Amino acid sequence: MRIRLLLSALALSSIASCSAMGSNHAVVKGAGPDDLLKLRAGPGLGFNIIMGLPDGTRLTKQKCVTESGQLWCRVSLADNPGVSGYVSADYLGMGM
């Protein structure tokens, strides 16, 4: 029972942090200097990779969904809105 409550609280805090990013502006944060955040065709690791996004990439965040215990957000590139997909919310920071 305690574990369920803890997991529920963690899930709610993840969702709150994703929606608390403000006005849909986000930036890739935490991928690292030698790695890229994968922009995927759907919310999960089983979806095709569209492209890699380096830290600092400006994004427009849309809705977030939980898939297999991981929070994924649909995003589009701020500089090219026609390019969109899903990224792990763990790598989104507040944008400008």
PDB file of N, CA and C in Angstrom:
ATOM      1  N   MET A   1       0.822  -1.193   0.000  1.00  0.00           N
ATOM      2  CA  MET A   1       0.000   0.000   0.000  1.00  0.00           C
ATOM      3  C   MET A   1       0.866   1.256   0.000  1.00  0.00           C
ATOM      4  N   ARG A   2       1.909   1.273   0.832  1.00  0.00           N
ATOM      5  CA  ARG A   2       2.797   2.442   0.886  1.00  0.00           C
ATOM      6  C   ARG A   2       3.487   2.658  -0.454  1.00  0.00           C
ATOM      7  N   ILE A   3       3.868   1.537  -1.095  1.00  0.00           N
ATOM      8  CA  ILE A   3       4.553   1.640  -2.389  1.00  0.00           C
ATOM      9  C   ILE A   3       3.612   2.237  -3.426  1.00  0.00           C
ATOM     10  N   ARG A   4       2.349   1.812  -3.412  1.00  0.00           N
ATOM     11  CA  ARG A   4       1.379   2.378  -4.358  1.00  0.00           C
ATOM     12  C   ARG A   4       1.201   3.876  -4.159  1.00  0.00           C
ATOM     13  N   LEU A   5       1.120   4.286  -2.915  1.00  0.00           N
ATOM     14  CA  LEU A   5       0.974   5.711  -2.617  1.00  0.00           C
ATOM     15  C   LEU A   5       2.197   6.488  -3.084  1.00  0.00           C
ATOM     16  N   LEU A   6       3.374   5.926  -2.847  1.00  0.00           N
ATOM     17  CA  LEU A   6       4.607   6.580  -3.269  1.00  0.00           C
ATOM     18  C   LEU A   6       4.673   6.694  -4.786  1.00  0.00           C
ATOM     19  N   LEU A   7       4.332   5.601  -5.483  1.00  0.00           N
ATOM     20  CA  LEU A   7       4.348   5.639  -6.949  1.00  0.00           C
ATOM     21  C   LEU A   7       3.320   6.627  -7.492  1.00  0.00           C
ATOM     22  N   SER A   8       2.149   6.676  -6.863  1.00  0.00           N
ATOM     23  CA  SER A   8       1.124   7.641  -7.289  1.00  0.00           C
ATOM     24  C   SER A   8       1.619   9.073  -7.096  1.00  0.00           C
ATOM     25  N   ALA A   9       2.258   9.331  -5.956  1.00  0.00           N
ATOM     26  CA  ALA A   9       2.781  10.674  -5.689  1.00  0.00           C
ATOM     27  C   ALA A   9       3.868  11.039  -6.694  1.00  0.00           C
ATOM     28  N   LEU A  10       4.739  10.093  -7.026  1.00  0.00           N
ATOM     29  CA  LEU A  10       5.789  10.361  -8.019  1.00  0.00           C
ATOM     30  C   LEU A  10       5.193  10.655  -9.384  1.00  0.00           C
ATOM     31  N   ALA A  11       4.196   9.886  -9.785  1.00  0.00           N
ATOM     32  CA  ALA A  11       3.558  10.113 -11.081  1.00  0.00           C
ATOM     33  C   ALA A  11       2.909  11.488 -11.136  1.00  0.00           C
ATOM     34  N   LEU A  12       2.212  11.868 -10.068  1.00  0.00           N
ATOM     35  CA  LEU A  12       1.568  13.189 -10.039  1.00  0.00           C
ATOM     36  C   LEU A  12       2.588  14.317 -10.066  1.00  0.00           C
ATOM     37  N   SER A  13       3.704  14.151  -9.367  1.00  0.00           N
ATOM     38  CA  SER A  13       4.713  15.208  -9.378  1.00  0.00           C
ATOM     39  C   SER A  13       5.365  15.331 -10.748  1.00  0.00           C
ATOM     40  N   SER A  14       5.530  14.208 -11.455  1.00  0.00           N
ATOM     41  CA  SER A  14       6.090  14.259 -12.810  1.00  0.00           C
ATOM     42  C   SER A  14       5.158  14.994 -13.753  1.00  0.00           C
ATOM     43  N   ILE A  15       3.874  14.678 -13.648  1.00  0.00           N
ATOM     44  CA  ILE A  15       2.899  15.350 -14.498  1.00  0.00           C
ATOM     45  C   ILE A  15       2.846  16.836 -14.166  1.00  0.00           C
ATOM     46  N   ALA A  16       2.878  17.162 -12.897  1.00  0.00           N
ATOM     47  CA  ALA A  16       2.848  18.569 -12.488  1.00  0.00           C
ATOM     48  C   ALA A  16       4.072  19.305 -12.985  1.00  0.00           C
ATOM     49  N   SER A  17       5.235  18.662 -12.932  1.00  0.00           N
ATOM     50  CA  SER A  17       6.441  19.352 -13.387  1.00  0.00           C
ATOM     51  C   SER A  17       6.402  19.581 -14.885  1.00  0.00           C
ATOM     52  N   CYS A  18       5.807  18.660 -15.614  1.00  0.00           N
ATOM     53  CA  CYS A  18       5.716  18.834 -17.061  1.00  0.00           C
ATOM     54  C   CYS A  18       4.758  19.979 -17.392  1.00  0.00           C
ATOM     55  N   SER A  19       3.619  20.045 -16.707  1.00  0.00           N
ATOM     56  CA  SER A  19       2.666  21.109 -16.997  1.00  0.00           C
ATOM     57  C   SER A  19       3.067  22.430 -16.357  1.00  0.00           C
ATOM     58  N   ALA A  20       3.985  22.403 -15.388  1.00  0.00           N
ATOM     59  CA  ALA A  20       4.402  23.634 -14.719  1.00  0.00           C
ATOM     60  C   ALA A  20       5.486  24.362 -15.484  1.00  0.00           C
ATOM     61  N   MET A  21       5.842  23.855 -16.642  1.00  0.00           N
ATOM     62  CA  MET A  21       6.904  24.485 -17.408  1.00  0.00           C
ATOM     63  C   MET A  21       6.471  25.806 -18.006  1.00  0.00           C
ATOM     64  N   GLY A  22       5.256  26.167 -17.793  1.00  0.00           N
ATOM     65  CA  GLY A  22       4.830  27.456 -18.273  1.00  0.00           C
ATOM     66  C   GLY A  22       4.139  27.364 -19.607  1.00  0.00           C
ATOM     67  N   SER A  23       4.341  28.357 -20.388  1.00  0.00           N
ATOM     68  CA  SER A  23       3.536  28.585 -21.574  1.00  0.00           C
ATOM     69  C   SER A  23       3.872  27.702 -22.765  1.00  0.00           C
ATOM     70  N   ASN A  24       4.216  26.543 -22.646  1.00  0.00           N
ATOM     71  CA  ASN A  24       4.571  25.555 -23.675  1.00  0.00           C
ATOM     72  C   ASN A  24       5.991  25.695 -24.195  1.00  0.00           C
ATOM     73  N   HIS A  25       6.771  26.613 -23.701  1.00  0.00           N
ATOM     74  CA  HIS A  25       8.157  26.716 -24.162  1.00  0.00           C
ATOM     75  C   HIS A  25       9.023  25.790 -23.323  1.00  0.00           C
ATOM     76  N   ALA A  26       9.865  25.034 -24.008  1.00  0.00           N
ATOM     77  CA  ALA A  26      10.762  24.116 -23.312  1.00  0.00           C
ATOM     78  C   ALA A  26      12.092  24.105 -24.042  1.00  0.00           C
ATOM     79  N   VAL A  27      13.091  23.552 -23.374  1.00  0.00           N
ATOM     80  CA  VAL A  27      14.420  23.432 -23.959  1.00  0.00           C
ATOM     81  C   VAL A  27      14.986  22.075 -23.558  1.00  0.00           C
ATOM     82  N   VAL A  28      15.739  21.454 -24.472  1.00  0.00           N
ATOM     83  CA  VAL A  28      16.382  20.178 -24.161  1.00  0.00           C
ATOM     84  C   VAL A  28      17.470  20.435 -23.129  1.00  0.00           C
ATOM     85  N   LYS A  29      17.432  19.644 -22.055  1.00  0.00           N
ATOM     86  CA  LYS A  29      18.369  19.841 -20.948  1.00  0.00           C
ATOM     87  C   LYS A  29      18.765  18.486 -20.374  1.00  0.00           C
ATOM     88  N   GLY A  30      20.053  18.237 -20.261  1.00  0.00           N
ATOM     89  CA  GLY A  30      20.529  17.029 -19.603  1.00  0.00           C
ATOM     90  C   GLY A  30      20.900  15.885 -20.516  1.00  0.00           C
ATOM     91  N   ALA A  31      20.850  16.080 -21.825  1.00  0.00           N
ATOM     92  CA  ALA A  31      21.266  15.004 -22.732  1.00  0.00           C
ATOM     93  C   ALA A  31      22.772  14.789 -22.639  1.00  0.00           C
ATOM     94  N   GLY A  32      23.496  15.860 -22.368  1.00  0.00           N
ATOM     95  CA  GLY A  32      24.948  15.765 -22.217  1.00  0.00           C
ATOM     96  C   GLY A  32      25.680  16.266 -23.446  1.00  0.00           C
ATOM     97  N   PRO A  33      26.956  16.597 -23.276  1.00  0.00           N
ATOM     98  CA  PRO A  33      27.716  17.196 -24.373  1.00  0.00           C
ATOM     99  C   PRO A  33      27.987  16.245 -25.535  1.00  0.00           C
ATOM    100  N   ASP A  34      27.983  14.942 -25.268  1.00  0.00           N
ATOM    101  CA  ASP A  34      28.302  13.972 -26.324  1.00  0.00           C
ATOM    102  C   ASP A  34      27.115  13.104 -26.703  1.00  0.00           C
ATOM    103  N   ASP A  35      25.911  13.538 -26.370  1.00  0.00           N
ATOM    104  CA  ASP A  35      24.727  12.734 -26.658  1.00  0.00           C
ATOM    105  C   ASP A  35      23.601  13.630 -27.145  1.00  0.00           C
ATOM    106  N   LEU A  36      22.568  13.017 -27.688  1.00  0.00           N
ATOM    107  CA  LEU A  36      21.404  13.733 -28.200  1.00  0.00           C
ATOM    108  C   LEU A  36      20.137  13.129 -27.602  1.00  0.00           C
ATOM    109  N   LEU A  37      19.143  13.962 -27.347  1.00  0.00           N
ATOM    110  CA  LEU A  37      17.834  13.487 -26.934  1.00  0.00           C
ATOM    111  C   LEU A  37      17.108  13.007 -28.187  1.00  0.00           C
ATOM    112  N   LYS A  38      16.562  11.797 -28.126  1.00  0.00           N
ATOM    113  CA  LYS A  38      15.876  11.245 -29.295  1.00  0.00           C
ATOM    114  C   LYS A  38      14.455  11.775 -29.389  1.00  0.00           C
ATOM    115  N   LEU A  39      14.150  12.395 -30.520  1.00  0.00           N
ATOM    116  CA  LEU A  39      12.781  12.794 -30.852  1.00  0.00           C
ATOM    117  C   LEU A  39      12.163  11.577 -31.530  1.00  0.00           C
ATOM    118  N   ARG A  40      11.111  11.037 -30.936  1.00  0.00           N
ATOM    119  CA  ARG A  40      10.522   9.786 -31.422  1.00  0.00           C
ATOM    120  C   ARG A  40       9.146   9.999 -32.043  1.00  0.00           C
ATOM    121  N   ALA A  41       8.737   9.041 -32.872  1.00  0.00           N
ATOM    122  CA  ALA A  41       7.459   9.112 -33.569  1.00  0.00           C
ATOM    123  C   ALA A  41       6.271   8.901 -32.629  1.00  0.00           C
ATOM    124  N   GLY A  42       6.500   8.321 -31.469  1.00  0.00           N
ATOM    125  CA  GLY A  42       5.431   8.089 -30.501  1.00  0.00           C
ATOM    126  C   GLY A  42       5.990   8.087 -29.094  1.00  0.00           C
ATOM    127  N   PRO A  43       5.112   7.989 -28.098  1.00  0.00           N
ATOM    128  CA  PRO A  43       5.529   8.076 -26.701  1.00  0.00           C
ATOM    129  C   PRO A  43       6.061   6.755 -26.142  1.00  0.00           C
ATOM    130  N   GLY A  44       7.313   6.454 -26.424  1.00  0.00           N
ATOM    131  CA  GLY A  44       7.917   5.239 -25.894  1.00  0.00           C
ATOM    132  C   GLY A  44       9.174   4.866 -26.655  1.00  0.00           C
ATOM    133  N   LEU A  45       9.974   4.009 -26.031  1.00  0.00           N
ATOM    134  CA  LEU A  45      11.245   3.610 -26.635  1.00  0.00           C
ATOM    135  C   LEU A  45      11.076   2.741 -27.875  1.00  0.00           C
ATOM    136  N   GLY A  46       9.909   2.139 -28.063  1.00  0.00           N
ATOM    137  CA  GLY A  46       9.675   1.278 -29.215  1.00  0.00           C
ATOM    138  C   GLY A  46       9.364   2.026 -30.502  1.00  0.00           C
ATOM    139  N   PHE A  47       9.235   3.334 -30.437  1.00  0.00           N
ATOM    140  CA  PHE A  47       8.908   4.115 -31.629  1.00  0.00           C
ATOM    141  C   PHE A  47      10.177   4.564 -32.349  1.00  0.00           C
ATOM    142  N   ASN A  48      10.055   4.733 -33.655  1.00  0.00           N
ATOM    143  CA  ASN A  48      11.200   5.156 -34.467  1.00  0.00           C
ATOM    144  C   ASN A  48      11.733   6.512 -34.026  1.00  0.00           C
ATOM    145  N   ILE A  49      13.042   6.661 -34.164  1.00  0.00           N
ATOM    146  CA  ILE A  49      13.705   7.940 -33.872  1.00  0.00           C
ATOM    147  C   ILE A  49      13.603   8.822 -35.114  1.00  0.00           C
ATOM    148  N   ILE A  50      13.078  10.010 -34.918  1.00  0.00           N
ATOM    149  CA  ILE A  50      12.965  10.983 -36.009  1.00  0.00           C
ATOM    150  C   ILE A  50      14.291  11.710 -36.184  1.00  0.00           C
ATOM    151  N   MET A  51      14.857  12.165 -35.067  1.00  0.00           N
ATOM    152  CA  MET A  51      16.142  12.866 -35.091  1.00  0.00           C
ATOM    153  C   MET A  51      16.667  13.010 -33.673  1.00  0.00           C
ATOM    154  N   GLY A  52      17.932  13.402 -33.541  1.00  0.00           N
ATOM    155  CA  GLY A  52      18.530  13.676 -32.244  1.00  0.00           C
ATOM    156  C   GLY A  52      18.549  15.174 -31.984  1.00  0.00           C
ATOM    157  N   LEU A  53      18.307  15.552 -30.736  1.00  0.00           N
ATOM    158  CA  LEU A  53      18.258  16.966 -30.351  1.00  0.00           C
ATOM    159  C   LEU A  53      19.342  17.252 -29.310  1.00  0.00           C
ATOM    160  N   PRO A  54      20.239  18.181 -29.589  1.00  0.00           N
ATOM    161  CA  PRO A  54      21.273  18.520 -28.599  1.00  0.00           C
ATOM    162  C   PRO A  54      20.702  19.400 -27.485  1.00  0.00           C
ATOM    163  N   ASP A  55      21.409  19.425 -26.356  1.00  0.00           N
ATOM    164  CA  ASP A  55      21.049  20.335 -25.270  1.00  0.00           C
ATOM    165  C   ASP A  55      20.908  21.750 -25.829  1.00  0.00           C
ATOM    166  N   GLY A  56      19.923  22.472 -25.336  1.00  0.00           N
ATOM    167  CA  GLY A  56      19.702  23.847 -25.767  1.00  0.00           C
ATOM    168  C   GLY A  56      18.696  23.996 -26.892  1.00  0.00           C
ATOM    169  N   THR A  57      18.282  22.875 -27.512  1.00  0.00           N
ATOM    170  CA  THR A  57      17.290  22.958 -28.588  1.00  0.00           C
ATOM    171  C   THR A  57      15.982  23.486 -28.026  1.00  0.00           C
ATOM    172  N   ARG A  58      15.453  24.546 -28.640  1.00  0.00           N
ATOM    173  CA  ARG A  58      14.196  25.149 -28.189  1.00  0.00           C
ATOM    174  C   ARG A  58      13.015  24.393 -28.784  1.00  0.00           C
ATOM    175  N   LEU A  59      12.047  24.084 -27.911  1.00  0.00           N
ATOM    176  CA  LEU A  59      10.890  23.295 -28.298  1.00  0.00           C
ATOM    177  C   LEU A  59       9.593  23.979 -27.879  1.00  0.00           C
ATOM    178  N   THR A  60       8.516  23.613 -28.547  1.00  0.00           N
ATOM    179  CA  THR A  60       7.169  23.974 -28.115  1.00  0.00           C
ATOM    180  C   THR A  60       6.535  22.698 -27.595  1.00  0.00           C
ATOM    181  N   LYS A  61       6.168  22.711 -26.317  1.00  0.00           N
ATOM    182  CA  LYS A  61       5.615  21.520 -25.663  1.00  0.00           C
ATOM    183  C   LYS A  61       4.107  21.507 -25.806  1.00  0.00           C
ATOM    184  N   GLN A  62       3.587  20.322 -26.124  1.00  0.00           N
ATOM    185  CA  GLN A  62       2.150  20.137 -26.182  1.00  0.00           C
ATOM    186  C   GLN A  62       1.742  19.252 -25.014  1.00  0.00           C
ATOM    187  N   LYS A  63       0.960  18.244 -25.207  1.00  0.00           N
ATOM    188  CA  LYS A  63       0.507  17.435 -24.077  1.00  0.00           C
ATOM    189  C   LYS A  63       1.523  16.351 -23.711  1.00  0.00           C
ATOM    190  N   CYS A  64       1.458  15.924 -22.446  1.00  0.00           N
ATOM    191  CA  CYS A  64       2.327  14.867 -21.939  1.00  0.00           C
ATOM    192  C   CYS A  64       1.477  13.655 -21.583  1.00  0.00           C
ATOM    193  N   VAL A  65       2.035  12.472 -21.808  1.00  0.00           N
ATOM    194  CA  VAL A  65       1.351  11.218 -21.490  1.00  0.00           C
ATOM    195  C   VAL A  65       2.327  10.288 -20.783  1.00  0.00           C
ATOM    196  N   THR A  66       1.791   9.394 -19.973  1.00  0.00           N
ATOM    197  CA  THR A  66       2.626   8.395 -19.309  1.00  0.00           C
ATOM    198  C   THR A  66       2.515   7.088 -20.071  1.00  0.00           C
ATOM    199  N   GLU A  67       3.659   6.527 -20.400  1.00  0.00           N
ATOM    200  CA  GLU A  67       3.723   5.254 -21.107  1.00  0.00           C
ATOM    201  C   GLU A  67       4.751   4.375 -20.419  1.00  0.00           C
ATOM    202  N   SER A  68       4.325   3.222 -19.932  1.00  0.00           N
ATOM    203  CA  SER A  68       5.201   2.275 -19.225  1.00  0.00           C
ATOM    204  C   SER A  68       5.954   2.949 -18.077  1.00  0.00           C
ATOM    205  N   GLY A  69       5.249   3.815 -17.354  1.00  0.00           N
ATOM    206  CA  GLY A  69       5.837   4.473 -16.187  1.00  0.00           C
ATOM    207  C   GLY A  69       6.743   5.653 -16.509  1.00  0.00           C
ATOM    208  N   GLN A  70       6.868   6.014 -17.769  1.00  0.00           N
ATOM    209  CA  GLN A  70       7.729   7.122 -18.197  1.00  0.00           C
ATOM    210  C   GLN A  70       6.854   8.235 -18.770  1.00  0.00           C
ATOM    211  N   LEU A  71       7.137   9.473 -18.401  1.00  0.00           N
ATOM    212  CA  LEU A  71       6.381  10.615 -18.909  1.00  0.00           C
ATOM    213  C   LEU A  71       7.003  11.092 -20.221  1.00  0.00           C
ATOM    214  N   TRP A  72       6.188  11.156 -21.256  1.00  0.00           N
ATOM    215  CA  TRP A  72       6.602  11.594 -22.589  1.00  0.00           C
ATOM    216  C   TRP A  72       5.783  12.814 -22.983  1.00  0.00           C
ATOM    217  N   CYS A  73       6.435  13.793 -23.612  1.00  0.00           N
ATOM    218  CA  CYS A  73       5.723  14.988 -24.063  1.00  0.00           C
ATOM    219  C   CYS A  73       5.821  15.113 -25.574  1.00  0.00           C
ATOM    220  N   ARG A  74       4.692  15.465 -26.166  1.00  0.00           N
ATOM    221  CA  ARG A  74       4.695  15.768 -27.597  1.00  0.00           C
ATOM    222  C   ARG A  74       5.256  17.176 -27.740  1.00  0.00           C
ATOM    223  N   VAL A  75       6.216  17.327 -28.632  1.00  0.00           N
ATOM    224  CA  VAL A  75       6.876  18.616 -28.833  1.00  0.00           C
ATOM    225  C   VAL A  75       7.049  18.878 -30.319  1.00  0.00           C
ATOM    226  N   SER A  76       7.287  20.130 -30.650  1.00  0.00           N
ATOM    227  CA  SER A  76       7.717  20.500 -32.006  1.00  0.00           C
ATOM    228  C   SER A  76       8.897  21.449 -31.852  1.00  0.00           C
ATOM    229  N   LEU A  77       9.716  21.507 -32.876  1.00  0.00           N
ATOM    230  CA  LEU A  77      10.862  22.409 -32.848  1.00  0.00           C
ATOM    231  C   LEU A  77      10.353  23.844 -32.904  1.00  0.00           C
ATOM    232  N   ALA A  78      10.843  24.693 -32.030  1.00  0.00           N
ATOM    233  CA  ALA A  78      10.403  26.092 -32.002  1.00  0.00           C
ATOM    234  C   ALA A  78      10.761  26.804 -33.305  1.00  0.00           C
ATOM    235  N   ASP A  79      11.892  26.461 -33.878  1.00  0.00           N
ATOM    236  CA  ASP A  79      12.345  27.113 -35.111  1.00  0.00           C
ATOM    237  C   ASP A  79      11.821  26.443 -36.377  1.00  0.00           C
ATOM    238  N   ASN A  80      11.188  25.265 -36.225  1.00  0.00           N
ATOM    239  CA  ASN A  80      10.648  24.539 -37.372  1.00  0.00           C
ATOM    240  C   ASN A  80       9.456  23.702 -36.891  1.00  0.00           C
ATOM    241  N   PRO A  81       8.292  24.334 -36.674  1.00  0.00           N
ATOM    242  CA  PRO A  81       7.137  23.665 -36.066  1.00  0.00           C
ATOM    243  C   PRO A  81       6.631  22.445 -36.837  1.00  0.00           C
ATOM    244  N   GLY A  82       7.024  22.303 -38.093  1.00  0.00           N
ATOM    245  CA  GLY A  82       6.616  21.137 -38.875  1.00  0.00           C
ATOM    246  C   GLY A  82       7.294  19.855 -38.420  1.00  0.00           C
ATOM    247  N   VAL A  83       8.358  19.978 -37.644  1.00  0.00           N
ATOM    248  CA  VAL A  83       9.057  18.800 -37.112  1.00  0.00           C
ATOM    249  C   VAL A  83       8.563  18.576 -35.688  1.00  0.00           C
ATOM    250  N   SER A  84       7.876  17.443 -35.485  1.00  0.00           N
ATOM    251  CA  SER A  84       7.325  17.167 -34.159  1.00  0.00           C
ATOM    252  C   SER A  84       7.434  15.693 -33.832  1.00  0.00           C
ATOM    253  N   GLY A  85       7.299  15.397 -32.550  1.00  0.00           N
ATOM    254  CA  GLY A  85       7.356  14.022 -32.080  1.00  0.00           C
ATOM    255  C   GLY A  85       7.301  14.025 -30.572  1.00  0.00           C
ATOM    256  N   TYR A  86       7.795  12.951 -29.957  1.00  0.00           N
ATOM    257  CA  TYR A  86       7.755  12.785 -28.509  1.00  0.00           C
ATOM    258  C   TYR A  86       9.159  12.680 -27.938  1.00  0.00           C
ATOM    259  N   VAL A  87       9.337  13.269 -26.756  1.00  0.00           N
ATOM    260  CA  VAL A  87      10.599  13.168 -26.024  1.00  0.00           C
ATOM    261  C   VAL A  87      10.277  12.842 -24.568  1.00  0.00           C
ATOM    262  N   SER A  88      11.253  12.265 -23.886  1.00  0.00           N
ATOM    263  CA  SER A  88      11.104  12.011 -22.459  1.00  0.00           C
ATOM    264  C   SER A  88      11.071  13.346 -21.720  1.00  0.00           C
ATOM    265  N   ALA A  89      10.087  13.512 -20.835  1.00  0.00           N
ATOM    266  CA  ALA A  89       9.963  14.754 -20.071  1.00  0.00           C
ATOM    267  C   ALA A  89      11.144  14.966 -19.126  1.00  0.00           C
ATOM    268  N   ASP A  90      11.895  13.889 -18.841  1.00  0.00           N
ATOM    269  CA  ASP A  90      13.068  14.004 -17.968  1.00  0.00           C
ATOM    270  C   ASP A  90      14.123  14.963 -18.535  1.00  0.00           C
ATOM    271  N   TYR A  91      14.072  15.189 -19.845  1.00  0.00           N
ATOM    272  CA  TYR A  91      15.096  16.012 -20.501  1.00  0.00           C
ATOM    273  C   TYR A  91      14.558  17.364 -20.965  1.00  0.00           C
ATOM    274  N   LEU A  92      13.462  17.791 -20.392  1.00  0.00           N
ATOM    275  CA  LEU A  92      12.906  19.103 -20.746  1.00  0.00           C
ATOM    276  C   LEU A  92      13.113  20.077 -19.605  1.00  0.00           C
ATOM    277  N   GLY A  93      13.633  21.237 -19.942  1.00  0.00           N
ATOM    278  CA  GLY A  93      13.765  22.322 -18.969  1.00  0.00           C
ATOM    279  C   GLY A  93      12.888  23.466 -19.410  1.00  0.00           C
ATOM    280  N   MET A  94      12.777  24.463 -18.552  1.00  0.00           N
ATOM    281  CA  MET A  94      11.964  25.636 -18.894  1.00  0.00           C
ATOM    282  C   MET A  94      12.627  26.394 -20.034  1.00  0.00           C
ATOM    283  N   GLY A  95      11.834  26.768 -21.017  1.00  0.00           N
ATOM    284  CA  GLY A  95      12.331  27.526 -22.154  1.00  0.00           C
ATOM    285  C   GLY A  95      12.013  28.998 -22.010  1.00  0.00           C
ATOM    286  N   MET A  96      12.427  29.751 -23.002  1.00  0.00           N
ATOM    287  CA  MET A  96      12.178  31.195 -22.985  1.00  0.00           C
ATOM    288  C   MET A  96      10.970  31.521 -23.802  1.00  0.00           C
TER     289      MET A  96
END
